[in-house]
Amino acid sequence: MGGGAIAFRWLIGVCTWALSGHADYSEAGHAPNPYVPWLGPYFVLLTPVLSGLVYGPLVQRYAREARGFGCPR
């Protein structure tokens, strides 16, 4: 269980670096992504959209039971 938590935390760091170009985007002063400077700060809007386009089909294919808000009613 501890290894999964460590891997998850590492994955968050890798994704943050890959999508924002900074180790901690909140400390970077909302600087534009150095990988796509032509987007300026608008990459913050584009990143969740692209992530959802990847995440949605994965959930649809491998976790059909994952529905709703994650809280039982």
Protein backbone atom coordinates (compact mmCIF):
# COMPACT_ATOMS: atom_id res chain seq x y z
CA MET A 1 0.00 0.00 0.00
CA GLY A 2 2.83 2.41 0.80
CA GLY A 3 4.46 1.77 -2.57
CA GLY A 4 1.25 2.74 -4.34
CA ALA A 5 1.13 6.03 -2.44
CA ILE A 6 4.74 6.77 -3.31
CA ALA A 7 4.14 5.95 -6.98
CA PHE A 8 1.00 8.11 -7.03
CA ARG A 9 2.86 11.08 -5.52
CA TRP A 10 5.70 10.63 -8.02
CA LEU A 11 3.18 10.48 -10.88
CA ILE A 12 1.62 13.75 -9.72
CA GLY A 13 5.06 15.39 -9.77
CA VAL A 14 5.85 14.03 -13.23
CA CYS A 15 2.51 15.16 -14.65
CA THR A 16 2.88 18.60 -13.07
CA TRP A 17 6.33 18.98 -14.63
CA ALA A 18 5.20 17.65 -18.02
CA LEU A 19 2.05 19.78 -18.24
CA SER A 20 3.28 23.03 -16.72
CA GLY A 21 7.06 22.95 -17.22
CA HIS A 22 7.60 23.71 -13.52
CA ALA A 23 8.08 21.50 -10.46
CA ASP A 24 5.40 23.49 -8.59
CA TYR A 25 3.29 25.68 -10.84
CA SER A 26 1.76 27.61 -7.93
CA GLU A 27 5.23 28.82 -6.92
CA ALA A 28 6.18 29.78 -10.49
CA GLY A 29 4.04 32.91 -10.37
CA HIS A 30 1.67 31.57 -13.03
CA ALA A 31 4.37 31.72 -15.65
CA PRO A 32 3.61 30.42 -19.12
CA ASN A 33 4.63 26.88 -19.99
CA PRO A 34 8.15 26.91 -21.48
CA TYR A 35 7.24 24.00 -23.79
CA VAL A 36 4.37 25.88 -25.46
CA PRO A 37 5.10 29.58 -24.89
CA TRP A 38 2.74 30.62 -27.69
CA LEU A 39 -0.22 29.55 -25.50
CA GLY A 40 0.77 31.92 -22.72
CA PRO A 41 -1.15 31.31 -19.51
CA TYR A 42 -4.04 29.73 -21.46
CA PHE A 43 -2.41 26.32 -21.25
CA VAL A 44 -4.02 26.18 -17.80
CA LEU A 45 -7.39 25.94 -19.56
CA LEU A 46 -6.19 23.52 -22.21
CA THR A 47 -4.50 21.01 -19.85
CA PRO A 48 -7.68 19.79 -18.08
CA VAL A 49 -9.46 19.45 -21.41
CA LEU A 50 -6.69 17.30 -22.88
CA SER A 51 -6.42 15.29 -19.67
CA GLY A 52 -10.16 14.62 -19.73
CA LEU A 53 -9.94 13.44 -23.32
CA VAL A 54 -7.36 10.87 -22.19
CA TYR A 55 -9.01 9.97 -18.88
CA GLY A 56 -12.58 9.60 -20.17
CA PRO A 57 -11.96 6.74 -22.60
CA LEU A 58 -9.79 4.96 -20.00
CA VAL A 59 -12.62 5.02 -17.47
CA GLN A 60 -15.14 4.02 -20.11
CA ARG A 61 -13.06 1.00 -21.15
CA TYR A 62 -11.57 -0.21 -17.86
CA ALA A 63 -13.82 1.10 -15.07
CA ARG A 64 -17.40 1.20 -16.27
CA GLU A 65 -18.61 0.95 -12.67
CA ALA A 66 -16.99 4.32 -11.83
CA ARG A 67 -19.93 6.71 -12.01
CA GLY A 68 -21.20 9.75 -10.23
CA PHE A 69 -19.35 11.94 -7.78
CA GLY A 70 -17.65 9.16 -5.82
CA CYS A 71 -19.86 9.63 -2.76
CA PRO A 72 -22.72 7.25 -1.95
CA ARG A 73 -26.11 8.89 -1.61
